[in-house]
């Protein structure tokens, strides 16, 4: 696989069909020759996982080039997405990352 590198790929799965379904964002890393190849690998894996879980892959697939073997290591950024917004910092975090409905572990700080 000459010229291949590592890609971080984000996908979204919807769990449950009740009144309040949950949505899971996953970021996985893939060795591939192109972003399209990495996204195809991630999309196939996400569809398989969703089927096993009785969930639905929503078809959003975003990739980020991480680098090659020489540039990947501890602390390497594996995904990045920039979004323009008119919201101030607190409102932005509340709208997209900390709505109070996430299944997450809190840190002391």
PDB file of N, CA and C in Angstrom:
ATOM      1  N   UNK A   1       0.853  -1.174   0.000  1.00  0.00           N
ATOM      2  CA  UNK A   1       0.000   0.000   0.000  1.00  0.00           C
ATOM      3  C   UNK A   1       0.904   1.243   0.000  1.00  0.00           C
ATOM      4  N   UNK A   2       1.568   1.483  -1.097  1.00  0.00           N
ATOM      5  CA  UNK A   2       2.476   2.613  -1.215  1.00  0.00           C
ATOM      6  C   UNK A   2       1.721   3.929  -1.109  1.00  0.00           C
ATOM      7  N   UNK A   3       2.284   4.881  -0.370  1.00  0.00           N
ATOM      8  CA  UNK A   3       1.641   6.183  -0.225  1.00  0.00           C
ATOM      9  C   UNK A   3       0.491   6.205   0.768  1.00  0.00           C
ATOM     10  N   UNK A   4       0.310   5.101   1.452  1.00  0.00           N
ATOM     11  CA  UNK A   4      -0.800   5.029   2.402  1.00  0.00           C
ATOM     12  C   UNK A   4      -0.482   5.832   3.657  1.00  0.00           C
ATOM     13  N   UNK A   5      -1.526   6.202   4.345  1.00  0.00           N
ATOM     14  CA  UNK A   5      -1.373   6.893   5.615  1.00  0.00           C
ATOM     15  C   UNK A   5      -2.518   6.537   6.532  1.00  0.00           C
ATOM     16  N   UNK A   6      -2.553   7.195   7.669  1.00  0.00           N
ATOM     17  CA  UNK A   6      -3.603   6.962   8.653  1.00  0.00           C
ATOM     18  C   UNK A   6      -4.633   8.083   8.582  1.00  0.00           C
ATOM     19  N   UNK A   7      -5.895   7.703   8.704  1.00  0.00           N
ATOM     20  CA  UNK A   7      -7.015   8.641   8.668  1.00  0.00           C
ATOM     21  C   UNK A   7      -7.893   8.409   9.890  1.00  0.00           C
ATOM     22  N   UNK A   8      -8.345   9.483  10.511  1.00  0.00           N
ATOM     23  CA  UNK A   8      -9.391   9.409  11.523  1.00  0.00           C
ATOM     24  C   UNK A   8     -10.715   9.620  10.810  1.00  0.00           C
ATOM     25  N   UNK A   9     -11.691   8.766  11.101  1.00  0.00           N
ATOM     26  CA  UNK A   9     -12.988   8.873  10.427  1.00  0.00           C
ATOM     27  C   UNK A   9     -14.099   8.902  11.471  1.00  0.00           C
ATOM     28  N   UNK A  10     -14.974   9.895  11.340  1.00  0.00           N
ATOM     29  CA  UNK A  10     -16.108  10.041  12.253  1.00  0.00           C
ATOM     30  C   UNK A  10     -17.384   9.580  11.567  1.00  0.00           C
ATOM     31  N   UNK A  11     -18.152   8.771  12.282  1.00  0.00           N
ATOM     32  CA  UNK A  11     -19.460   8.291  11.820  1.00  0.00           C
ATOM     33  C   UNK A  11     -20.466   8.483  12.951  1.00  0.00           C
ATOM     34  N   UNK A  12     -21.747   8.445  12.614  1.00  0.00           N
ATOM     35  CA  UNK A  12     -22.797   8.617  13.618  1.00  0.00           C
ATOM     36  C   UNK A  12     -23.804   7.475  13.502  1.00  0.00           C
ATOM     37  N   UNK A  13     -24.169   6.917  14.657  1.00  0.00           N
ATOM     38  CA  UNK A  13     -25.143   5.831  14.758  1.00  0.00           C
ATOM     39  C   UNK A  13     -26.310   6.311  15.615  1.00  0.00           C
ATOM     40  N   UNK A  14     -27.522   5.963  15.202  1.00  0.00           N
ATOM     41  CA  UNK A  14     -28.712   6.269  16.007  1.00  0.00           C
ATOM     42  C   UNK A  14     -29.148   4.984  16.702  1.00  0.00           C
ATOM     43  N   UNK A  15     -29.268   5.064  18.022  1.00  0.00           N
ATOM     44  CA  UNK A  15     -29.728   3.931  18.834  1.00  0.00           C
ATOM     45  C   UNK A  15     -31.176   4.166  19.223  1.00  0.00           C
ATOM     46  N   UNK A  16     -32.002   3.159  19.085  1.00  0.00           N
ATOM     47  CA  UNK A  16     -33.374   3.215  19.577  1.00  0.00           C
ATOM     48  C   UNK A  16     -34.323   3.952  18.669  1.00  0.00           C
ATOM     49  N   UNK A  17     -35.548   3.542  18.703  1.00  0.00           N
ATOM     50  CA  UNK A  17     -36.613   4.170  17.909  1.00  0.00           C
ATOM     51  C   UNK A  17     -37.698   4.730  18.822  1.00  0.00           C
ATOM     52  N   UNK A  18     -37.390   4.876  20.112  1.00  0.00           N
ATOM     53  CA  UNK A  18     -38.365   5.402  21.068  1.00  0.00           C
ATOM     54  C   UNK A  18     -38.512   6.904  20.922  1.00  0.00           C
ATOM     55  N   UNK A  19     -39.226   7.504  21.869  1.00  0.00           N
ATOM     56  CA  UNK A  19     -39.414   8.950  21.875  1.00  0.00           C
ATOM     57  C   UNK A  19     -38.095   9.704  21.964  1.00  0.00           C
ATOM     58  N   UNK A  20     -37.130   9.125  22.673  1.00  0.00           N
ATOM     59  CA  UNK A  20     -35.851   9.792  22.865  1.00  0.00           C
ATOM     60  C   UNK A  20     -34.707   8.866  22.465  1.00  0.00           C
ATOM     61  N   UNK A  21     -34.418   8.790  21.177  1.00  0.00           N
ATOM     62  CA  UNK A  21     -33.291   7.954  20.748  1.00  0.00           C
ATOM     63  C   UNK A  21     -31.976   8.598  21.182  1.00  0.00           C
ATOM     64  N   UNK A  22     -30.908   7.842  21.113  1.00  0.00           N
ATOM     65  CA  UNK A  22     -29.587   8.398  21.402  1.00  0.00           C
ATOM     66  C   UNK A  22     -28.728   8.291  20.145  1.00  0.00           C
ATOM     67  N   UNK A  23     -27.757   9.175  20.058  1.00  0.00           N
ATOM     68  CA  UNK A  23     -26.871   9.244  18.900  1.00  0.00           C
ATOM     69  C   UNK A  23     -25.445   9.057  19.378  1.00  0.00           C
ATOM     70  N   UNK A  24     -24.725   8.200  18.696  1.00  0.00           N
ATOM     71  CA  UNK A  24     -23.343   7.900  19.058  1.00  0.00           C
ATOM     72  C   UNK A  24     -22.413   8.350  17.936  1.00  0.00           C
ATOM     73  N   UNK A  25     -21.472   9.204  18.273  1.00  0.00           N
ATOM     74  CA  UNK A  25     -20.424   9.588  17.333  1.00  0.00           C
ATOM     75  C   UNK A  25     -19.229   8.690  17.612  1.00  0.00           C
ATOM     76  N   UNK A  26     -18.687   8.073  16.569  1.00  0.00           N
ATOM     77  CA  UNK A  26     -17.492   7.258  16.725  1.00  0.00           C
ATOM     78  C   UNK A  26     -16.382   7.848  15.873  1.00  0.00           C
ATOM     79  N   UNK A  27     -15.166   7.793  16.379  1.00  0.00           N
ATOM     80  CA  UNK A  27     -13.998   8.176  15.593  1.00  0.00           C
ATOM     81  C   UNK A  27     -13.049   6.992  15.642  1.00  0.00           C
ATOM     82  N   UNK A  28     -12.785   6.444  14.463  1.00  0.00           N
ATOM     83  CA  UNK A  28     -11.895   5.294  14.342  1.00  0.00           C
ATOM     84  C   UNK A  28     -10.741   5.672  13.419  1.00  0.00           C
ATOM     85  N   UNK A  29      -9.637   4.943  13.503  1.00  0.00           N
ATOM     86  CA  UNK A  29      -8.516   5.225  12.613  1.00  0.00           C
ATOM     87  C   UNK A  29      -8.332   4.078  11.626  1.00  0.00           C
ATOM     88  N   UNK A  30      -7.958   4.453  10.411  1.00  0.00           N
ATOM     89  CA  UNK A  30      -7.836   3.498   9.304  1.00  0.00           C
ATOM     90  C   UNK A  30      -6.586   3.800   8.498  1.00  0.00           C
ATOM     91  N   UNK A  31      -5.880   2.747   8.110  1.00  0.00           N
ATOM     92  CA  UNK A  31      -4.756   2.885   7.186  1.00  0.00           C
ATOM     93  C   UNK A  31      -5.341   2.744   5.787  1.00  0.00           C
ATOM     94  N   UNK A  32      -5.104   3.752   4.957  1.00  0.00           N
ATOM     95  CA  UNK A  32      -5.697   3.751   3.617  1.00  0.00           C
ATOM     96  C   UNK A  32      -4.859   4.621   2.677  1.00  0.00           C
ATOM     97  N   UNK A  33      -5.070   4.422   1.377  1.00  0.00           N
ATOM     98  CA  UNK A  33      -4.350   5.184   0.362  1.00  0.00           C
ATOM     99  C   UNK A  33      -5.009   6.530   0.072  1.00  0.00           C
ATOM    100  N   UNK A  34      -6.250   6.718   0.541  1.00  0.00           N
ATOM    101  CA  UNK A  34      -6.970   7.959   0.260  1.00  0.00           C
ATOM    102  C   UNK A  34      -8.046   8.159   1.321  1.00  0.00           C
ATOM    103  N   UNK A  35      -8.565   9.393   1.439  1.00  0.00           N
ATOM    104  CA  UNK A  35      -9.669   9.624   2.374  1.00  0.00           C
ATOM    105  C   UNK A  35     -10.905   8.822   1.993  1.00  0.00           C
ATOM    106  N   UNK A  36     -11.131   8.667   0.699  1.00  0.00           N
ATOM    107  CA  UNK A  36     -12.308   7.911   0.242  1.00  0.00           C
ATOM    108  C   UNK A  36     -12.224   6.448   0.669  1.00  0.00           C
ATOM    109  N   UNK A  37     -11.027   5.867   0.569  1.00  0.00           N
ATOM    110  CA  UNK A  37     -10.849   4.477   0.997  1.00  0.00           C
ATOM    111  C   UNK A  37     -11.062   4.339   2.502  1.00  0.00           C
ATOM    112  N   UNK A  38     -10.511   5.272   3.270  1.00  0.00           N
ATOM    113  CA  UNK A  38     -10.686   5.235   4.726  1.00  0.00           C
ATOM    114  C   UNK A  38     -12.155   5.361   5.098  1.00  0.00           C
ATOM    115  N   UNK A  39     -12.858   6.273   4.431  1.00  0.00           N
ATOM    116  CA  UNK A  39     -14.278   6.468   4.732  1.00  0.00           C
ATOM    117  C   UNK A  39     -15.091   5.236   4.356  1.00  0.00           C
ATOM    118  N   UNK A  40     -14.753   4.586   3.237  1.00  0.00           N
ATOM    119  CA  UNK A  40     -15.473   3.370   2.843  1.00  0.00           C
ATOM    120  C   UNK A  40     -15.273   2.270   3.880  1.00  0.00           C
ATOM    121  N   UNK A  41     -14.050   2.126   4.376  1.00  0.00           N
ATOM    122  CA  UNK A  41     -13.778   1.122   5.416  1.00  0.00           C
ATOM    123  C   UNK A  41     -14.581   1.422   6.684  1.00  0.00           C
ATOM    124  N   UNK A  42     -14.559   2.675   7.114  1.00  0.00           N
ATOM    125  CA  UNK A  42     -15.273   3.056   8.333  1.00  0.00           C
ATOM    126  C   UNK A  42     -16.775   2.907   8.167  1.00  0.00           C
ATOM    127  N   UNK A  43     -17.288   3.295   7.015  1.00  0.00           N
ATOM    128  CA  UNK A  43     -18.724   3.203   6.765  1.00  0.00           C
ATOM    129  C   UNK A  43     -19.195   1.752   6.799  1.00  0.00           C
ATOM    130  N   UNK A  44     -18.405   0.846   6.214  1.00  0.00           N
ATOM    131  CA  UNK A  44     -18.765  -0.575   6.232  1.00  0.00           C
ATOM    132  C   UNK A  44     -18.747  -1.120   7.661  1.00  0.00           C
ATOM    133  N   UNK A  45     -17.716  -0.759   8.427  1.00  0.00           N
ATOM    134  CA  UNK A  45     -17.625  -1.227   9.813  1.00  0.00           C
ATOM    135  C   UNK A  45     -18.753  -0.656  10.660  1.00  0.00           C
ATOM    136  N   UNK A  46     -19.099   0.601  10.451  1.00  0.00           N
ATOM    137  CA  UNK A  46     -20.173   1.241  11.200  1.00  0.00           C
ATOM    138  C   UNK A  46     -21.519   0.601  10.876  1.00  0.00           C
ATOM    139  N   UNK A  47     -21.762   0.309   9.613  1.00  0.00           N
ATOM    140  CA  UNK A  47     -23.016  -0.347   9.219  1.00  0.00           C
ATOM    141  C   UNK A  47     -23.131  -1.724   9.867  1.00  0.00           C
ATOM    142  N   UNK A  48     -22.026  -2.457   9.902  1.00  0.00           N
ATOM    143  CA  UNK A  48     -22.027  -3.786  10.524  1.00  0.00           C
ATOM    144  C   UNK A  48     -22.290  -3.677  12.026  1.00  0.00           C
ATOM    145  N   UNK A  49     -21.625  -2.745  12.684  1.00  0.00           N
ATOM    146  CA  UNK A  49     -21.831  -2.534  14.121  1.00  0.00           C
ATOM    147  C   UNK A  49     -23.271  -2.132  14.409  1.00  0.00           C
ATOM    148  N   UNK A  50     -23.800  -1.209  13.620  1.00  0.00           N
ATOM    149  CA  UNK A  50     -25.181  -0.762  13.825  1.00  0.00           C
ATOM    150  C   UNK A  50     -26.155  -1.924  13.681  1.00  0.00           C
ATOM    151  N   UNK A  51     -25.943  -2.769  12.685  1.00  0.00           N
ATOM    152  CA  UNK A  51     -26.834  -3.916  12.479  1.00  0.00           C
ATOM    153  C   UNK A  51     -26.791  -4.857  13.680  1.00  0.00           C
ATOM    154  N   UNK A  52     -25.609  -5.128  14.189  1.00  0.00           N
ATOM    155  CA  UNK A  52     -25.454  -6.003  15.363  1.00  0.00           C
ATOM    156  C   UNK A  52     -26.185  -5.418  16.573  1.00  0.00           C
ATOM    157  N   UNK A  53     -26.115  -4.102  16.721  1.00  0.00           N
ATOM    158  CA  UNK A  53     -26.723  -3.430  17.874  1.00  0.00           C
ATOM    159  C   UNK A  53     -28.204  -3.116  17.691  1.00  0.00           C
ATOM    160  N   UNK A  54     -28.746  -3.391  16.511  1.00  0.00           N
ATOM    161  CA  UNK A  54     -30.132  -3.028  16.238  1.00  0.00           C
ATOM    162  C   UNK A  54     -30.294  -1.527  16.107  1.00  0.00           C
ATOM    163  N   UNK A  55     -29.239  -0.866  15.663  1.00  0.00           N
ATOM    164  CA  UNK A  55     -29.227   0.587  15.513  1.00  0.00           C
ATOM    165  C   UNK A  55     -29.178   0.932  14.025  1.00  0.00           C
ATOM    166  N   UNK A  56     -28.983   2.208  13.716  1.00  0.00           N
ATOM    167  CA  UNK A  56     -28.943   2.637  12.324  1.00  0.00           C
ATOM    168  C   UNK A  56     -27.756   3.565  12.095  1.00  0.00           C
ATOM    169  N   UNK A  57     -26.924   3.218  11.115  1.00  0.00           N
ATOM    170  CA  UNK A  57     -25.849   4.116  10.698  1.00  0.00           C
ATOM    171  C   UNK A  57     -26.492   5.237   9.890  1.00  0.00           C
ATOM    172  N   UNK A  58     -26.177   6.485  10.232  1.00  0.00           N
ATOM    173  CA  UNK A  58     -26.872   7.616   9.619  1.00  0.00           C
ATOM    174  C   UNK A  58     -26.242   8.106   8.324  1.00  0.00           C
ATOM    175  N   UNK A  59     -25.126   7.526   7.919  1.00  0.00           N
ATOM    176  CA  UNK A  59     -24.549   7.855   6.617  1.00  0.00           C
ATOM    177  C   UNK A  59     -23.655   9.082   6.595  1.00  0.00           C
ATOM    178  N   UNK A  60     -23.433   9.715   7.750  1.00  0.00           N
ATOM    179  CA  UNK A  60     -22.478  10.821   7.771  1.00  0.00           C
ATOM    180  C   UNK A  60     -21.099  10.227   8.047  1.00  0.00           C
ATOM    181  N   UNK A  61     -20.172  10.514   7.149  1.00  0.00           N
ATOM    182  CA  UNK A  61     -18.818   9.977   7.254  1.00  0.00           C
ATOM    183  C   UNK A  61     -17.862  11.121   6.936  1.00  0.00           C
ATOM    184  N   UNK A  62     -17.005  11.464   7.895  1.00  0.00           N
ATOM    185  CA  UNK A  62     -16.060  12.562   7.721  1.00  0.00           C
ATOM    186  C   UNK A  62     -14.660  12.047   8.028  1.00  0.00           C
ATOM    187  N   UNK A  63     -13.682  12.441   7.206  1.00  0.00           N
ATOM    188  CA  UNK A  63     -12.328  11.947   7.430  1.00  0.00           C
ATOM    189  C   UNK A  63     -11.356  13.086   7.704  1.00  0.00           C
ATOM    190  N   UNK A  64     -10.240  12.716   8.307  1.00  0.00           N
ATOM    191  CA  UNK A  64      -9.177  13.645   8.647  1.00  0.00           C
ATOM    192  C   UNK A  64      -7.861  12.906   8.462  1.00  0.00           C
ATOM    193  N   UNK A  65      -6.964  13.448   7.639  1.00  0.00           N
ATOM    194  CA  UNK A  65      -5.666  12.807   7.436  1.00  0.00           C
ATOM    195  C   UNK A  65      -4.802  13.004   8.671  1.00  0.00           C
ATOM    196  N   UNK A  66      -4.364  11.910   9.266  1.00  0.00           N
ATOM    197  CA  UNK A  66      -3.537  11.963  10.470  1.00  0.00           C
ATOM    198  C   UNK A  66      -2.060  12.062  10.093  1.00  0.00           C
ATOM    199  N   UNK A  67      -1.611  11.179   9.231  1.00  0.00           N
ATOM    200  CA  UNK A  67      -0.208  11.169   8.815  1.00  0.00           C
ATOM    201  C   UNK A  67       0.240   9.755   8.503  1.00  0.00           C
ATOM    202  N   UNK A  68       1.545   9.603   8.373  1.00  0.00           N
ATOM    203  CA  UNK A  68       2.091   8.281   8.106  1.00  0.00           C
ATOM    204  C   UNK A  68       2.729   7.731   9.380  1.00  0.00           C
ATOM    205  N   UNK A  69       3.409   6.593   9.261  1.00  0.00           N
ATOM    206  CA  UNK A  69       3.981   5.941  10.443  1.00  0.00           C
ATOM    207  C   UNK A  69       4.937   6.855  11.208  1.00  0.00           C
ATOM    208  N   UNK A  70       5.667   7.720  10.484  1.00  0.00           N
ATOM    209  CA  UNK A  70       6.641   8.583  11.136  1.00  0.00           C
ATOM    210  C   UNK A  70       5.980   9.703  11.945  1.00  0.00           C
ATOM    211  N   UNK A  71       4.753  10.066  11.617  1.00  0.00           N
ATOM    212  CA  UNK A  71       4.115  11.200  12.289  1.00  0.00           C
ATOM    213  C   UNK A  71       3.041  10.792  13.293  1.00  0.00           C
ATOM    214  N   UNK A  72       2.728   9.512  13.370  1.00  0.00           N
ATOM    215  CA  UNK A  72       1.682   9.050  14.278  1.00  0.00           C
ATOM    216  C   UNK A  72       2.319   8.513  15.552  1.00  0.00           C
ATOM    217  N   UNK A  73       1.868   9.030  16.681  1.00  0.00           N
ATOM    218  CA  UNK A  73       2.385   8.591  17.965  1.00  0.00           C
ATOM    219  C   UNK A  73       1.564   9.206  19.080  1.00  0.00           C
ATOM    220  N   UNK A  74       2.078   9.138  20.282  1.00  0.00           N
ATOM    221  CA  UNK A  74       1.376   9.676  21.441  1.00  0.00           C
ATOM    222  C   UNK A  74       1.069  11.159  21.233  1.00  0.00           C
ATOM    223  N   UNK A  75      -0.171  11.521  21.457  1.00  0.00           N
ATOM    224  CA  UNK A  75      -0.583  12.914  21.338  1.00  0.00           C
ATOM    225  C   UNK A  75      -0.949  13.349  19.927  1.00  0.00           C
ATOM    226  N   UNK A  76      -0.881  12.437  18.963  1.00  0.00           N
ATOM    227  CA  UNK A  76      -1.231  12.786  17.587  1.00  0.00           C
ATOM    228  C   UNK A  76      -2.715  13.082  17.484  1.00  0.00           C
ATOM    229  N   UNK A  77      -3.055  14.177  16.848  1.00  0.00           N
ATOM    230  CA  UNK A  77      -4.463  14.513  16.608  1.00  0.00           C
ATOM    231  C   UNK A  77      -5.040  13.504  15.615  1.00  0.00           C
ATOM    232  N   UNK A  78      -6.177  12.882  15.967  1.00  0.00           N
ATOM    233  CA  UNK A  78      -6.759  11.871  15.085  1.00  0.00           C
ATOM    234  C   UNK A  78      -8.006  12.348  14.360  1.00  0.00           C
ATOM    235  N   UNK A  79      -8.548  13.484  14.766  1.00  0.00           N
ATOM    236  CA  UNK A  79      -9.691  14.044  14.056  1.00  0.00           C
ATOM    237  C   UNK A  79      -9.808  15.511  14.411  1.00  0.00           C
ATOM    238  N   UNK A  80     -10.234  16.293  13.439  1.00  0.00           N
ATOM    239  CA  UNK A  80     -10.462  17.712  13.661  1.00  0.00           C
ATOM    240  C   UNK A  80     -11.578  18.163  12.741  1.00  0.00           C
ATOM    241  N   UNK A  81     -12.454  18.996  13.244  1.00  0.00           N
ATOM    242  CA  UNK A  81     -13.537  19.568  12.455  1.00  0.00           C
ATOM    243  C   UNK A  81     -13.706  21.006  12.897  1.00  0.00           C
ATOM    244  N   UNK A  82     -13.692  21.923  11.952  1.00  0.00           N
ATOM    245  CA  UNK A  82     -13.888  23.333  12.264  1.00  0.00           C
ATOM    246  C   UNK A  82     -15.286  23.723  11.823  1.00  0.00           C
ATOM    247  N   UNK A  83     -16.029  24.375  12.710  1.00  0.00           N
ATOM    248  CA  UNK A  83     -17.404  24.798  12.429  1.00  0.00           C
ATOM    249  C   UNK A  83     -17.518  26.282  12.721  1.00  0.00           C
ATOM    250  N   UNK A  84     -18.016  27.053  11.780  1.00  0.00           N
ATOM    251  CA  UNK A  84     -18.271  28.468  12.031  1.00  0.00           C
ATOM    252  C   UNK A  84     -19.553  28.609  12.840  1.00  0.00           C
ATOM    253  N   UNK A  85     -19.557  29.558  13.779  1.00  0.00           N
ATOM    254  CA  UNK A  85     -20.735  29.772  14.616  1.00  0.00           C
ATOM    255  C   UNK A  85     -20.727  31.188  15.174  1.00  0.00           C
ATOM    256  N   UNK A  86     -21.906  31.762  15.288  1.00  0.00           N
ATOM    257  CA  UNK A  86     -22.068  33.075  15.907  1.00  0.00           C
ATOM    258  C   UNK A  86     -22.277  32.963  17.417  1.00  0.00           C
ATOM    259  N   UNK A  87     -22.353  31.745  17.949  1.00  0.00           N
ATOM    260  CA  UNK A  87     -22.567  31.552  19.382  1.00  0.00           C
ATOM    261  C   UNK A  87     -21.321  31.913  20.171  1.00  0.00           C
ATOM    262  N   UNK A  88     -21.513  32.414  21.416  1.00  0.00           N
ATOM    263  CA  UNK A  88     -20.351  32.609  22.269  1.00  0.00           C
ATOM    264  C   UNK A  88     -19.888  31.239  22.759  1.00  0.00           C
ATOM    265  N   UNK A  89     -18.735  31.176  23.387  1.00  0.00           N
ATOM    266  CA  UNK A  89     -18.125  29.899  23.748  1.00  0.00           C
ATOM    267  C   UNK A  89     -19.031  29.017  24.608  1.00  0.00           C
ATOM    268  N   UNK A  90     -19.637  29.572  25.669  1.00  0.00           N
ATOM    269  CA  UNK A  90     -20.499  28.772  26.541  1.00  0.00           C
ATOM    270  C   UNK A  90     -21.724  28.250  25.795  1.00  0.00           C
ATOM    271  N   UNK A  91     -22.357  29.088  24.996  1.00  0.00           N
ATOM    272  CA  UNK A  91     -23.538  28.667  24.235  1.00  0.00           C
ATOM    273  C   UNK A  91     -23.169  27.615  23.199  1.00  0.00           C
ATOM    274  N   UNK A  92     -22.003  27.769  22.592  1.00  0.00           N
ATOM    275  CA  UNK A  92     -21.551  26.787  21.601  1.00  0.00           C
ATOM    276  C   UNK A  92     -21.360  25.418  22.248  1.00  0.00           C
ATOM    277  N   UNK A  93     -20.660  25.397  23.385  1.00  0.00           N
ATOM    278  CA  UNK A  93     -20.450  24.125  24.081  1.00  0.00           C
ATOM    279  C   UNK A  93     -21.776  23.517  24.522  1.00  0.00           C
ATOM    280  N   UNK A  94     -22.681  24.334  25.030  1.00  0.00           N
ATOM    281  CA  UNK A  94     -23.994  23.836  25.453  1.00  0.00           C
ATOM    282  C   UNK A  94     -24.783  23.282  24.268  1.00  0.00           C
ATOM    283  N   UNK A  95     -24.699  23.902  23.118  1.00  0.00           N
ATOM    284  CA  UNK A  95     -25.471  23.477  21.946  1.00  0.00           C
ATOM    285  C   UNK A  95     -24.928  22.206  21.316  1.00  0.00           C
ATOM    286  N   UNK A  96     -23.608  22.034  21.299  1.00  0.00           N
ATOM    287  CA  UNK A  96     -23.022  20.936  20.536  1.00  0.00           C
ATOM    288  C   UNK A  96     -22.331  19.857  21.359  1.00  0.00           C
ATOM    289  N   UNK A  97     -21.895  20.171  22.588  1.00  0.00           N
ATOM    290  CA  UNK A  97     -21.069  19.201  23.299  1.00  0.00           C
ATOM    291  C   UNK A  97     -21.498  18.890  24.723  1.00  0.00           C
ATOM    292  N   UNK A  98     -22.180  19.784  25.373  1.00  0.00           N
ATOM    293  CA  UNK A  98     -22.495  19.586  26.785  1.00  0.00           C
ATOM    294  C   UNK A  98     -23.943  19.988  27.064  1.00  0.00           C
ATOM    295  N   UNK A  99     -24.858  19.274  26.427  1.00  0.00           N
ATOM    296  CA  UNK A  99     -26.281  19.598  26.553  1.00  0.00           C
ATOM    297  C   UNK A  99     -26.855  19.109  27.875  1.00  0.00           C
ATOM    298  N   UNK A 100     -26.104  18.227  28.562  1.00  0.00           N
ATOM    299  CA  UNK A 100     -26.595  17.605  29.786  1.00  0.00           C
ATOM    300  C   UNK A 100     -27.232  16.247  29.531  1.00  0.00           C
ATOM    301  N   UNK A 101     -27.296  15.842  28.264  1.00  0.00           N
ATOM    302  CA  UNK A 101     -27.921  14.569  27.911  1.00  0.00           C
ATOM    303  C   UNK A 101     -26.912  13.562  27.380  1.00  0.00           C
ATOM    304  N   UNK A 102     -25.619  13.871  27.524  1.00  0.00           N
ATOM    305  CA  UNK A 102     -24.579  12.963  27.060  1.00  0.00           C
ATOM    306  C   UNK A 102     -24.294  11.879  28.090  1.00  0.00           C
ATOM    307  N   UNK A 103     -23.902  10.734  27.621  1.00  0.00           N
ATOM    308  CA  UNK A 103     -23.416   9.674  28.501  1.00  0.00           C
ATOM    309  C   UNK A 103     -21.905   9.866  28.556  1.00  0.00           C
ATOM    310  N   UNK A 104     -21.441  10.558  29.591  1.00  0.00           N
ATOM    311  CA  UNK A 104     -20.024  10.850  29.671  1.00  0.00           C
ATOM    312  C   UNK A 104     -19.568  10.899  31.104  1.00  0.00           C
ATOM    313  N   UNK A 105     -18.303  10.691  31.288  1.00  0.00           N
ATOM    314  CA  UNK A 105     -17.680  10.775  32.602  1.00  0.00           C
ATOM    315  C   UNK A 105     -17.155  12.184  32.769  1.00  0.00           C
ATOM    316  N   UNK A 106     -17.436  12.804  33.876  1.00  0.00           N
ATOM    317  CA  UNK A 106     -16.961  14.159  34.186  1.00  0.00           C
ATOM    318  C   UNK A 106     -15.597  14.088  34.834  1.00  0.00           C
ATOM    319  N   UNK A 107     -14.792  15.109  34.594  1.00  0.00           N
ATOM    320  CA  UNK A 107     -13.484  15.200  35.253  1.00  0.00           C
ATOM    321  C   UNK A 107     -13.556  16.245  36.349  1.00  0.00           C
ATOM    322  N   UNK A 108     -12.597  16.229  37.231  1.00  0.00           N
ATOM    323  CA  UNK A 108     -12.535  17.203  38.325  1.00  0.00           C
ATOM    324  C   UNK A 108     -11.822  18.461  37.831  1.00  0.00           C
ATOM    325  N   UNK A 109     -12.454  19.304  37.119  1.00  0.00           N
ATOM    326  CA  UNK A 109     -11.700  20.482  36.736  1.00  0.00           C
ATOM    327  C   UNK A 109     -12.227  21.213  35.579  1.00  0.00           C
TER     328      UNK A 109
END
